[in-house]
């Protein structure tokens, strides 16, 4: 018989399922919430509930949004001729923080990774090619992570887009190999955007 109450154990187990949260961190978070005021715990629970109930994937770019199409896709101030392709929604936030890019986005929701069983069919690549075919796009900027999976994904997309006569560029080096866009600082990302090159 465990000395830890079942609700406490359940919360520790649920926290442990989150990426980057091990058993010790899960325990610390759980015991923090046990000591926290009821209002703070209820506010957290409400925020978690609302993130599932009040967010959708944009039907155009597949970014997370409150409505579809999202604010970026429906903005008349954005350059409709450019699409920046990223792996995850967090990458959109990272690029937006630079204030250097004024085009549209396309979120793949991952990268090609044969080891993990993720092929092009599991990503939003088909939808990207359709957008390029249907629109006024002149440039596709590939901003996948500078690691093996990101490079493989960028090469695959370039092979799909180049025959359509569209300019395909890639973020310039300067981002660390093996890193993730979401962790890059604004200056590094801004330089990478300015120095993008042909594929």
N, C-alpha and C. Protein backbone atom coordinates (compact mmCIF):
# COMPACT_ATOMS: atom_id res chain seq x y z
N UNK A 1 0.85 -1.19 0.00
CA UNK A 1 0.00 0.00 0.00
C UNK A 1 0.89 1.25 0.00
N UNK A 2 0.64 2.16 -0.93
CA UNK A 2 1.46 3.36 -1.09
C UNK A 2 1.11 4.41 -0.05
N UNK A 3 2.14 5.14 0.40
CA UNK A 3 1.93 6.24 1.35
C UNK A 3 1.43 7.48 0.64
N UNK A 4 1.56 7.52 -0.68
CA UNK A 4 1.15 8.67 -1.47
C UNK A 4 -0.30 8.48 -1.92
N UNK A 5 -1.16 9.48 -1.66
CA UNK A 5 -2.56 9.37 -2.09
C UNK A 5 -2.68 9.18 -3.60
N UNK A 6 -3.70 8.44 -4.03
CA UNK A 6 -3.90 8.15 -5.46
C UNK A 6 -4.01 9.40 -6.33
N UNK A 7 -4.75 10.45 -5.91
CA UNK A 7 -4.81 11.65 -6.76
C UNK A 7 -3.44 12.29 -6.99
N UNK A 8 -2.58 12.25 -5.97
CA UNK A 8 -1.23 12.81 -6.08
C UNK A 8 -0.42 11.98 -7.06
N UNK A 9 -0.49 10.67 -6.93
CA UNK A 9 0.23 9.78 -7.85
C UNK A 9 -0.24 9.96 -9.29
N UNK A 10 -1.55 10.12 -9.46
CA UNK A 10 -2.09 10.30 -10.81
C UNK A 10 -1.56 11.57 -11.46
N UNK A 11 -1.51 12.67 -10.68
CA UNK A 11 -1.01 13.92 -11.24
C UNK A 11 0.47 13.81 -11.57
N UNK A 12 1.24 13.16 -10.73
CA UNK A 12 2.66 12.94 -11.02
C UNK A 12 2.81 12.16 -12.32
N UNK A 13 2.01 11.11 -12.49
CA UNK A 13 2.06 10.31 -13.72
C UNK A 13 1.68 11.14 -14.94
N UNK A 14 0.66 11.99 -14.82
CA UNK A 14 0.24 12.82 -15.95
C UNK A 14 1.32 13.84 -16.32
N UNK A 15 1.93 14.48 -15.32
CA UNK A 15 3.03 15.41 -15.60
C UNK A 15 4.20 14.69 -16.25
N UNK A 16 4.47 13.46 -15.84
CA UNK A 16 5.60 12.69 -16.38
C UNK A 16 5.43 12.39 -17.87
N UNK A 17 4.20 12.42 -18.35
CA UNK A 17 3.95 12.17 -19.79
C UNK A 17 4.32 13.36 -20.66
N UNK A 18 4.50 14.52 -20.07
CA UNK A 18 4.83 15.72 -20.84
C UNK A 18 6.28 15.66 -21.29
N UNK A 19 6.59 16.21 -22.48
CA UNK A 19 7.98 16.18 -22.96
C UNK A 19 8.90 16.98 -22.06
N UNK A 20 10.04 16.39 -21.74
CA UNK A 20 11.04 17.07 -20.93
C UNK A 20 10.76 17.04 -19.43
N UNK A 21 9.71 16.38 -19.02
CA UNK A 21 9.35 16.30 -17.60
C UNK A 21 9.63 14.88 -17.11
N UNK A 22 10.62 14.76 -16.26
CA UNK A 22 10.93 13.47 -15.66
C UNK A 22 10.19 13.30 -14.35
N UNK A 23 10.37 12.15 -13.69
CA UNK A 23 9.66 11.87 -12.44
C UNK A 23 9.91 12.90 -11.33
N UNK A 24 11.15 13.39 -11.21
CA UNK A 24 11.46 14.36 -10.15
C UNK A 24 10.75 15.69 -10.40
N UNK A 25 10.83 16.17 -11.64
CA UNK A 25 10.15 17.42 -11.98
C UNK A 25 8.65 17.27 -11.82
N UNK A 26 8.11 16.13 -12.25
CA UNK A 26 6.67 15.87 -12.11
C UNK A 26 6.26 15.91 -10.64
N UNK A 27 7.08 15.35 -9.78
CA UNK A 27 6.79 15.37 -8.34
C UNK A 27 6.85 16.80 -7.80
N UNK A 28 7.87 17.57 -8.23
CA UNK A 28 7.99 18.95 -7.77
C UNK A 28 6.78 19.78 -8.19
N UNK A 29 6.36 19.62 -9.45
CA UNK A 29 5.19 20.37 -9.93
C UNK A 29 3.94 19.99 -9.14
N UNK A 30 3.77 18.71 -8.90
CA UNK A 30 2.59 18.23 -8.17
C UNK A 30 2.56 18.81 -6.76
N UNK A 31 3.68 18.75 -6.06
CA UNK A 31 3.71 19.25 -4.69
C UNK A 31 3.65 20.77 -4.64
N UNK A 32 4.12 21.44 -5.68
CA UNK A 32 3.93 22.89 -5.78
C UNK A 32 2.44 23.21 -5.84
N UNK A 33 1.72 22.48 -6.71
CA UNK A 33 0.28 22.73 -6.85
C UNK A 33 -0.49 22.39 -5.57
N UNK A 34 -0.03 21.40 -4.83
CA UNK A 34 -0.69 21.07 -3.56
C UNK A 34 -0.58 22.23 -2.56
N UNK A 35 0.54 22.96 -2.60
CA UNK A 35 0.74 24.09 -1.69
C UNK A 35 0.14 25.39 -2.22
N UNK A 36 -0.12 25.45 -3.53
CA UNK A 36 -0.59 26.69 -4.17
C UNK A 36 -2.02 27.02 -3.74
N UNK A 37 -2.38 28.31 -3.78
CA UNK A 37 -3.78 28.69 -3.50
C UNK A 37 -4.73 28.04 -4.51
N UNK A 38 -5.93 27.76 -4.06
CA UNK A 38 -6.94 27.10 -4.91
C UNK A 38 -7.17 27.89 -6.19
N UNK A 39 -7.17 29.23 -6.10
CA UNK A 39 -7.42 30.07 -7.28
C UNK A 39 -6.36 29.84 -8.36
N UNK A 40 -5.10 29.69 -7.93
CA UNK A 40 -4.01 29.47 -8.89
C UNK A 40 -4.17 28.13 -9.58
N UNK A 41 -4.53 27.11 -8.84
CA UNK A 41 -4.71 25.77 -9.40
C UNK A 41 -5.90 25.76 -10.36
N UNK A 42 -6.99 26.43 -9.96
CA UNK A 42 -8.17 26.50 -10.83
C UNK A 42 -7.86 27.28 -12.10
N UNK A 43 -7.07 28.33 -11.99
CA UNK A 43 -6.68 29.12 -13.16
C UNK A 43 -5.86 28.27 -14.14
N UNK A 44 -4.94 27.47 -13.60
CA UNK A 44 -4.15 26.57 -14.44
C UNK A 44 -5.04 25.54 -15.13
N UNK A 45 -5.95 24.94 -14.36
CA UNK A 45 -6.86 23.94 -14.93
C UNK A 45 -7.73 24.55 -16.03
N UNK A 46 -8.19 25.77 -15.82
CA UNK A 46 -9.02 26.46 -16.82
C UNK A 46 -8.22 26.78 -18.08
N UNK A 47 -6.96 27.20 -17.90
CA UNK A 47 -6.10 27.50 -19.05
C UNK A 47 -5.86 26.24 -19.88
N UNK A 48 -5.65 25.11 -19.23
CA UNK A 48 -5.45 23.84 -19.94
C UNK A 48 -6.71 23.46 -20.70
N UNK A 49 -7.86 23.62 -20.05
CA UNK A 49 -9.13 23.27 -20.71
C UNK A 49 -9.37 24.17 -21.92
N UNK A 50 -9.13 25.48 -21.77
CA UNK A 50 -9.39 26.42 -22.85
C UNK A 50 -8.45 26.23 -24.04
N UNK A 51 -7.20 25.82 -23.78
CA UNK A 51 -6.27 25.62 -24.89
C UNK A 51 -6.76 24.51 -25.81
N UNK A 52 -7.49 23.54 -25.27
CA UNK A 52 -8.04 22.47 -26.10
C UNK A 52 -9.36 22.88 -26.74
N UNK A 53 -10.17 23.63 -26.01
CA UNK A 53 -11.50 23.99 -26.50
C UNK A 53 -11.51 25.18 -27.45
N UNK A 54 -10.57 26.10 -27.29
CA UNK A 54 -10.63 27.36 -28.02
C UNK A 54 -9.53 27.54 -29.07
N UNK A 55 -8.82 26.47 -29.40
CA UNK A 55 -7.82 26.59 -30.46
C UNK A 55 -8.12 25.59 -31.56
N UNK A 56 -7.75 25.96 -32.77
CA UNK A 56 -7.93 25.12 -33.95
C UNK A 56 -6.66 25.20 -34.80
N UNK A 57 -6.54 24.32 -35.77
CA UNK A 57 -5.49 24.46 -36.77
C UNK A 57 -6.02 25.33 -37.89
N UNK A 58 -5.23 26.30 -38.30
CA UNK A 58 -5.61 27.15 -39.43
C UNK A 58 -5.77 26.25 -40.66
N UNK A 59 -6.83 26.45 -41.40
CA UNK A 59 -7.10 25.62 -42.58
C UNK A 59 -6.16 25.94 -43.74
N UNK A 60 -5.43 27.04 -43.64
CA UNK A 60 -4.51 27.45 -44.71
C UNK A 60 -3.08 27.04 -44.39
N UNK A 61 -2.57 27.49 -43.22
CA UNK A 61 -1.15 27.29 -42.90
C UNK A 61 -0.91 26.20 -41.85
N UNK A 62 -1.96 25.74 -41.19
CA UNK A 62 -1.89 24.68 -40.17
C UNK A 62 -1.19 25.12 -38.89
N UNK A 63 -1.12 26.44 -38.66
CA UNK A 63 -0.63 26.94 -37.39
C UNK A 63 -1.77 26.86 -36.38
N UNK A 64 -1.44 26.90 -35.10
CA UNK A 64 -2.46 26.90 -34.06
C UNK A 64 -3.04 28.30 -33.97
N UNK A 65 -4.37 28.39 -33.93
CA UNK A 65 -5.03 29.69 -33.93
C UNK A 65 -6.34 29.62 -33.16
N UNK A 66 -6.93 30.80 -32.93
CA UNK A 66 -8.25 30.85 -32.30
C UNK A 66 -9.36 30.71 -33.32
N UNK A 67 -9.06 31.06 -34.58
CA UNK A 67 -10.05 30.93 -35.65
C UNK A 67 -9.33 30.56 -36.93
N UNK A 68 -10.10 30.11 -37.90
CA UNK A 68 -9.52 29.71 -39.18
C UNK A 68 -10.21 30.47 -40.31
N UNK A 69 -9.47 31.12 -41.20
CA UNK A 69 -8.01 31.21 -41.24
C UNK A 69 -7.47 32.06 -40.10
N UNK A 70 -6.18 31.86 -39.79
CA UNK A 70 -5.55 32.55 -38.67
C UNK A 70 -5.32 34.03 -39.01
N UNK A 71 -4.89 34.79 -38.00
CA UNK A 71 -4.67 36.23 -38.17
C UNK A 71 -3.58 36.53 -39.20
N UNK A 72 -2.55 35.69 -39.29
CA UNK A 72 -1.48 35.93 -40.26
C UNK A 72 -1.99 35.68 -41.67
N UNK A 73 -2.66 34.55 -41.89
CA UNK A 73 -3.16 34.22 -43.23
C UNK A 73 -4.20 35.22 -43.73
N UNK A 74 -4.98 35.79 -42.83
CA UNK A 74 -6.04 36.70 -43.26
C UNK A 74 -5.62 38.17 -43.23
N UNK A 75 -4.35 38.44 -42.88
CA UNK A 75 -3.89 39.83 -42.82
C UNK A 75 -3.57 40.36 -44.22
N UNK A 76 -4.16 41.51 -44.58
CA UNK A 76 -3.85 42.11 -45.89
C UNK A 76 -2.44 42.71 -45.92
N UNK A 77 -1.80 42.85 -44.76
CA UNK A 77 -0.46 43.44 -44.69
C UNK A 77 0.66 42.44 -44.93
N UNK A 78 0.33 41.14 -44.98
CA UNK A 78 1.36 40.12 -45.18
C UNK A 78 1.61 39.92 -46.67
N UNK A 79 2.86 39.59 -47.01
CA UNK A 79 3.25 39.34 -48.40
C UNK A 79 2.75 37.95 -48.81
N UNK A 80 1.74 37.92 -49.66
CA UNK A 80 1.11 36.67 -50.08
C UNK A 80 1.98 35.84 -51.02
N UNK A 81 3.07 36.45 -51.52
CA UNK A 81 3.91 35.75 -52.49
C UNK A 81 5.01 34.92 -51.83
N UNK A 82 5.14 34.99 -50.50
CA UNK A 82 6.16 34.25 -49.77
C UNK A 82 5.52 33.30 -48.77
N UNK A 83 6.02 32.08 -48.74
CA UNK A 83 5.60 31.12 -47.71
C UNK A 83 6.85 30.60 -47.02
N UNK A 84 6.88 30.76 -45.72
CA UNK A 84 7.97 30.24 -44.90
C UNK A 84 7.51 28.91 -44.30
N UNK A 85 8.23 27.85 -44.60
CA UNK A 85 7.86 26.50 -44.16
C UNK A 85 8.63 26.17 -42.89
N UNK A 86 7.90 25.84 -41.82
CA UNK A 86 8.51 25.49 -40.54
C UNK A 86 7.99 24.14 -40.08
N UNK A 87 8.72 23.55 -39.12
CA UNK A 87 8.32 22.24 -38.62
C UNK A 87 7.18 22.32 -37.61
N UNK A 88 7.23 23.28 -36.70
CA UNK A 88 6.29 23.34 -35.58
C UNK A 88 5.75 24.76 -35.38
N UNK A 89 4.57 24.87 -34.73
CA UNK A 89 4.02 26.20 -34.43
C UNK A 89 4.97 27.10 -33.62
N UNK A 90 5.77 26.52 -32.73
CA UNK A 90 6.73 27.33 -31.96
C UNK A 90 7.74 28.02 -32.87
N UNK A 91 8.03 27.43 -34.02
CA UNK A 91 8.97 28.03 -34.96
C UNK A 91 8.40 29.31 -35.56
N UNK A 92 7.07 29.35 -35.76
CA UNK A 92 6.43 30.58 -36.25
C UNK A 92 6.66 31.71 -35.24
N UNK A 93 6.47 31.41 -33.96
CA UNK A 93 6.68 32.42 -32.93
C UNK A 93 8.12 32.92 -32.94
N UNK A 94 9.07 32.01 -33.10
CA UNK A 94 10.49 32.39 -33.11
C UNK A 94 10.78 33.34 -34.27
N UNK A 95 10.28 33.03 -35.45
CA UNK A 95 10.54 33.88 -36.62
C UNK A 95 9.80 35.21 -36.49
N UNK A 96 8.59 35.18 -35.98
CA UNK A 96 7.82 36.42 -35.80
C UNK A 96 8.53 37.37 -34.83
N UNK A 97 9.22 36.85 -33.83
CA UNK A 97 9.94 37.70 -32.87
C UNK A 97 11.03 38.52 -33.55
N UNK A 98 11.57 38.06 -34.68
CA UNK A 98 12.63 38.80 -35.37
C UNK A 98 12.09 40.05 -36.06
N UNK A 99 10.82 40.08 -36.40
CA UNK A 99 10.18 41.18 -37.13
C UNK A 99 10.85 41.41 -38.50
N UNK A 100 11.50 40.38 -39.05
CA UNK A 100 12.20 40.50 -40.32
C UNK A 100 11.43 39.87 -41.47
N UNK A 101 10.42 39.09 -41.16
CA UNK A 101 9.71 38.34 -42.20
C UNK A 101 8.25 38.79 -42.23
N UNK A 102 7.76 39.13 -43.41
CA UNK A 102 6.39 39.65 -43.53
C UNK A 102 5.50 38.79 -44.42
N UNK A 103 5.96 37.59 -44.77
CA UNK A 103 5.16 36.71 -45.62
C UNK A 103 4.25 35.81 -44.81
N UNK A 104 3.81 34.73 -45.45
CA UNK A 104 2.93 33.75 -44.81
C UNK A 104 3.75 32.56 -44.32
N UNK A 105 3.10 31.64 -43.65
CA UNK A 105 3.75 30.45 -43.10
C UNK A 105 3.05 29.18 -43.56
N UNK A 106 3.76 28.08 -43.38
CA UNK A 106 3.16 26.75 -43.55
C UNK A 106 3.82 25.85 -42.51
N UNK A 107 3.01 25.29 -41.60
CA UNK A 107 3.52 24.46 -40.52
C UNK A 107 3.37 22.99 -40.89
N UNK A 108 4.48 22.28 -40.92
CA UNK A 108 4.49 20.87 -41.32
C UNK A 108 4.03 19.92 -40.22
N UNK A 109 4.19 20.32 -38.98
CA UNK A 109 3.91 19.47 -37.81
C UNK A 109 4.84 18.27 -37.76
N UNK A 110 6.13 18.57 -37.90
CA UNK A 110 7.15 17.53 -37.79
C UNK A 110 8.15 17.61 -38.92
N UNK A 111 9.00 16.60 -38.97
CA UNK A 111 10.01 16.49 -40.02
C UNK A 111 10.13 15.03 -40.42
N UNK A 112 10.59 14.80 -41.64
CA UNK A 112 10.78 13.43 -42.12
C UNK A 112 11.81 12.73 -41.23
N UNK A 113 11.43 11.58 -40.69
CA UNK A 113 12.32 10.83 -39.81
C UNK A 113 12.02 9.35 -39.94
N UNK A 114 12.73 8.66 -40.84
CA UNK A 114 12.48 7.22 -41.03
C UNK A 114 12.65 6.42 -39.73
N UNK A 115 13.56 6.85 -38.86
CA UNK A 115 13.78 6.15 -37.60
C UNK A 115 12.51 6.15 -36.74
N UNK A 116 11.78 7.27 -36.75
CA UNK A 116 10.56 7.38 -35.97
C UNK A 116 9.32 7.01 -36.80
N UNK A 117 9.52 6.55 -38.01
CA UNK A 117 8.41 6.16 -38.86
C UNK A 117 7.61 7.33 -39.41
N UNK A 118 8.24 8.50 -39.53
CA UNK A 118 7.55 9.68 -40.06
C UNK A 118 8.02 9.93 -41.48
N UNK A 119 7.12 9.74 -42.42
CA UNK A 119 7.41 9.99 -43.82
C UNK A 119 6.71 11.25 -44.28
N UNK A 120 6.87 11.62 -45.54
CA UNK A 120 6.23 12.84 -46.07
C UNK A 120 4.71 12.82 -45.94
N UNK A 121 4.11 11.62 -45.97
CA UNK A 121 2.65 11.51 -45.90
C UNK A 121 2.11 11.93 -44.55
N UNK A 122 2.93 11.83 -43.49
CA UNK A 122 2.48 12.21 -42.15
C UNK A 122 2.58 13.71 -41.90
N UNK A 123 3.21 14.43 -42.81
CA UNK A 123 3.38 15.87 -42.65
C UNK A 123 2.45 16.62 -43.59
N UNK A 124 2.40 17.93 -43.48
CA UNK A 124 1.51 18.76 -44.29
C UNK A 124 2.20 19.22 -45.57
N UNK A 125 2.94 18.30 -46.21
CA UNK A 125 3.68 18.64 -47.43
C UNK A 125 2.75 18.69 -48.65
N UNK A 126 1.85 17.74 -48.74
CA UNK A 126 0.89 17.72 -49.87
C UNK A 126 0.10 19.03 -49.91
N UNK A 127 -0.31 19.49 -48.73
CA UNK A 127 -1.07 20.74 -48.64
C UNK A 127 -0.22 21.94 -49.05
N UNK A 128 1.07 21.91 -48.73
CA UNK A 128 1.98 22.98 -49.14
C UNK A 128 2.08 23.04 -50.66
N UNK A 129 2.29 21.92 -51.29
CA UNK A 129 2.41 21.87 -52.75
C UNK A 129 1.12 22.39 -53.39
N UNK A 130 -0.02 22.03 -52.82
CA UNK A 130 -1.32 22.50 -53.34
C UNK A 130 -1.42 24.01 -53.20
N UNK A 131 -0.98 24.56 -52.07
CA UNK A 131 -1.01 26.02 -51.87
C UNK A 131 -0.17 26.73 -52.92
N UNK A 132 1.01 26.17 -53.18
CA UNK A 132 1.92 26.79 -54.15
C UNK A 132 1.30 26.75 -55.54
N UNK A 133 0.67 25.63 -55.88
CA UNK A 133 0.03 25.50 -57.20
C UNK A 133 -1.15 26.44 -57.37
N UNK A 134 -1.90 26.67 -56.31
CA UNK A 134 -3.15 27.44 -56.39
C UNK A 134 -2.96 28.94 -56.20
N UNK A 135 -1.82 29.35 -55.69
CA UNK A 135 -1.70 30.74 -55.28
C UNK A 135 -0.82 31.59 -56.14
N UNK A 136 -0.43 32.70 -55.55
CA UNK A 136 0.43 33.69 -56.21
C UNK A 136 1.83 33.64 -55.63
N UNK A 137 2.23 32.48 -55.16
CA UNK A 137 3.50 32.31 -54.47
C UNK A 137 4.67 32.41 -55.44
N UNK A 138 5.67 33.23 -55.07
CA UNK A 138 6.89 33.36 -55.88
C UNK A 138 8.10 32.76 -55.17
N UNK A 139 8.02 32.63 -53.81
CA UNK A 139 9.15 32.10 -53.06
C UNK A 139 8.65 31.22 -51.92
N UNK A 140 9.31 30.08 -51.77
CA UNK A 140 9.10 29.20 -50.62
C UNK A 140 10.40 29.18 -49.85
N UNK A 141 10.36 29.70 -48.61
CA UNK A 141 11.52 29.75 -47.74
C UNK A 141 11.47 28.55 -46.80
N UNK A 142 12.44 27.67 -46.92
CA UNK A 142 12.48 26.47 -46.10
C UNK A 142 13.22 26.78 -44.80
N UNK A 143 12.47 26.79 -43.70
CA UNK A 143 13.02 27.13 -42.39
C UNK A 143 12.91 25.93 -41.44
N UNK A 144 13.19 24.75 -41.97
CA UNK A 144 13.21 23.57 -41.12
C UNK A 144 14.48 23.60 -40.27
N UNK A 145 14.49 22.84 -39.20
CA UNK A 145 15.64 22.84 -38.29
C UNK A 145 16.91 22.36 -39.00
N UNK A 146 18.06 22.94 -38.64
CA UNK A 146 19.32 22.56 -39.29
C UNK A 146 19.92 21.28 -38.69
N UNK A 147 19.15 20.20 -38.75
CA UNK A 147 19.63 18.89 -38.31
C UNK A 147 19.33 17.89 -39.42
N UNK A 148 19.64 16.64 -39.21
CA UNK A 148 19.49 15.63 -40.26
C UNK A 148 18.06 15.55 -40.77
N UNK A 149 17.09 15.51 -39.86
CA UNK A 149 15.68 15.40 -40.25
C UNK A 149 15.21 16.65 -40.98
N UNK A 150 15.61 17.82 -40.46
CA UNK A 150 15.23 19.09 -41.09
C UNK A 150 15.80 19.23 -42.48
N UNK A 151 17.06 18.81 -42.65
CA UNK A 151 17.69 18.89 -43.97
C UNK A 151 17.01 17.93 -44.96
N UNK A 152 16.70 16.72 -44.49
CA UNK A 152 16.02 15.74 -45.36
C UNK A 152 14.65 16.27 -45.77
N UNK A 153 13.95 16.89 -44.83
CA UNK A 153 12.63 17.45 -45.13
C UNK A 153 12.74 18.59 -46.13
N UNK A 154 13.72 19.47 -45.94
CA UNK A 154 13.93 20.60 -46.86
C UNK A 154 14.25 20.11 -48.26
N UNK A 155 15.12 19.11 -48.37
CA UNK A 155 15.47 18.57 -49.69
C UNK A 155 14.25 17.94 -50.37
N UNK A 156 13.44 17.21 -49.61
CA UNK A 156 12.25 16.59 -50.18
C UNK A 156 11.29 17.66 -50.70
N UNK A 157 11.06 18.69 -49.90
CA UNK A 157 10.13 19.76 -50.31
C UNK A 157 10.68 20.49 -51.53
N UNK A 158 11.98 20.76 -51.55
CA UNK A 158 12.59 21.46 -52.69
C UNK A 158 12.37 20.67 -53.97
N UNK A 159 12.50 19.34 -53.89
CA UNK A 159 12.28 18.51 -55.09
C UNK A 159 10.82 18.56 -55.55
N UNK A 160 9.90 18.83 -54.65
CA UNK A 160 8.48 18.94 -55.02
C UNK A 160 8.15 20.31 -55.61
N UNK A 161 8.82 21.36 -55.12
CA UNK A 161 8.46 22.74 -55.47
C UNK A 161 9.24 23.28 -56.68
N UNK A 162 10.52 22.95 -56.80
CA UNK A 162 11.35 23.51 -57.87
C UNK A 162 10.79 23.26 -59.27
N UNK A 163 10.24 22.07 -59.58
CA UNK A 163 9.68 21.86 -60.92
C UNK A 163 8.50 22.78 -61.24
N UNK A 164 7.91 23.41 -60.22
CA UNK A 164 6.77 24.31 -60.44
C UNK A 164 7.22 25.71 -60.85
N UNK A 165 8.55 25.92 -60.91
CA UNK A 165 9.07 27.22 -61.32
C UNK A 165 9.05 28.26 -60.20
N UNK A 166 8.98 27.81 -58.97
CA UNK A 166 8.95 28.70 -57.81
C UNK A 166 10.36 28.79 -57.21
N UNK A 167 10.75 29.98 -56.78
CA UNK A 167 12.04 30.16 -56.10
C UNK A 167 11.98 29.45 -54.75
N UNK A 168 12.97 28.62 -54.47
CA UNK A 168 13.06 27.91 -53.19
C UNK A 168 14.34 28.35 -52.50
N UNK A 169 14.20 28.90 -51.29
CA UNK A 169 15.35 29.35 -50.52
C UNK A 169 15.40 28.60 -49.20
N UNK A 170 16.54 28.71 -48.54
CA UNK A 170 16.77 28.03 -47.26
C UNK A 170 17.37 29.03 -46.31
N UNK A 171 17.05 28.94 -45.03
CA UNK A 171 17.68 29.83 -44.06
C UNK A 171 19.19 29.68 -44.16
N UNK A 172 19.89 30.80 -44.05
CA UNK A 172 21.36 30.78 -44.10
C UNK A 172 21.92 30.08 -42.88
N UNK A 173 23.12 29.58 -43.02
CA UNK A 173 23.81 29.01 -41.86
C UNK A 173 24.03 30.13 -40.85
N UNK A 174 24.31 29.73 -39.68
CA UNK A 174 24.39 30.69 -38.59
C UNK A 174 23.58 30.12 -37.44
N UNK A 175 22.60 29.32 -37.80
CA UNK A 175 21.88 28.56 -36.79
C UNK A 175 22.72 27.33 -36.48
N UNK A 176 22.82 26.95 -35.24
CA UNK A 176 23.67 25.80 -34.90
C UNK A 176 23.10 24.50 -35.45
N UNK A 177 23.98 23.66 -36.00
CA UNK A 177 23.58 22.35 -36.48
C UNK A 177 23.12 21.52 -35.29
N UNK A 178 21.99 20.85 -35.46
CA UNK A 178 21.45 20.05 -34.37
C UNK A 178 20.56 20.84 -33.43
N UNK A 179 20.41 22.15 -33.67
CA UNK A 179 19.57 22.98 -32.80
C UNK A 179 18.14 23.04 -33.29
N UNK A 180 17.29 23.65 -32.50
CA UNK A 180 15.89 23.85 -32.86
C UNK A 180 15.62 25.34 -32.98
N UNK A 181 14.80 25.73 -33.96
CA UNK A 181 14.49 27.14 -34.18
C UNK A 181 13.92 27.81 -32.94
N UNK A 182 13.08 27.10 -32.21
CA UNK A 182 12.40 27.71 -31.08
C UNK A 182 13.37 28.20 -30.00
N UNK A 183 14.62 27.68 -29.98
CA UNK A 183 15.60 28.07 -28.98
C UNK A 183 16.60 29.10 -29.49
N UNK A 184 16.53 29.45 -30.76
CA UNK A 184 17.48 30.41 -31.33
C UNK A 184 17.11 31.83 -30.89
N UNK A 185 18.13 32.67 -30.71
CA UNK A 185 17.87 34.06 -30.33
C UNK A 185 17.45 34.87 -31.55
N UNK A 186 16.87 36.04 -31.31
CA UNK A 186 16.31 36.87 -32.39
C UNK A 186 17.36 37.33 -33.38
N UNK A 187 18.56 37.69 -32.91
CA UNK A 187 19.62 38.19 -33.80
C UNK A 187 20.06 37.09 -34.76
N UNK A 188 20.29 35.89 -34.25
CA UNK A 188 20.71 34.77 -35.09
C UNK A 188 19.65 34.46 -36.14
N UNK A 189 18.39 34.44 -35.71
CA UNK A 189 17.30 34.15 -36.66
C UNK A 189 17.16 35.26 -37.69
N UNK A 190 17.30 36.51 -37.26
CA UNK A 190 17.19 37.63 -38.20
C UNK A 190 18.28 37.55 -39.26
N UNK A 191 19.52 37.24 -38.86
CA UNK A 191 20.61 37.09 -39.82
C UNK A 191 20.36 35.91 -40.76
N UNK A 192 19.84 34.84 -40.24
CA UNK A 192 19.56 33.67 -41.07
C UNK A 192 18.49 33.99 -42.10
N UNK A 193 17.49 34.78 -41.72
CA UNK A 193 16.44 35.17 -42.67
C UNK A 193 17.01 36.06 -43.77
N UNK A 194 17.84 37.04 -43.39
CA UNK A 194 18.42 37.97 -44.36
C UNK A 194 19.37 37.27 -45.31
N UNK A 195 20.08 36.24 -44.84
CA UNK A 195 21.08 35.55 -45.65
C UNK A 195 20.59 34.28 -46.30
N UNK A 196 19.26 34.14 -46.47
CA UNK A 196 18.77 32.90 -47.06
C UNK A 196 19.29 32.76 -48.48
N UNK A 197 19.38 31.52 -48.95
CA UNK A 197 20.01 31.24 -50.25
C UNK A 197 19.15 30.28 -51.07
N UNK A 198 19.47 30.20 -52.33
CA UNK A 198 18.76 29.27 -53.22
C UNK A 198 19.05 27.84 -52.81
N UNK A 199 18.10 26.95 -53.01
CA UNK A 199 18.31 25.52 -52.75
C UNK A 199 19.06 24.92 -53.93
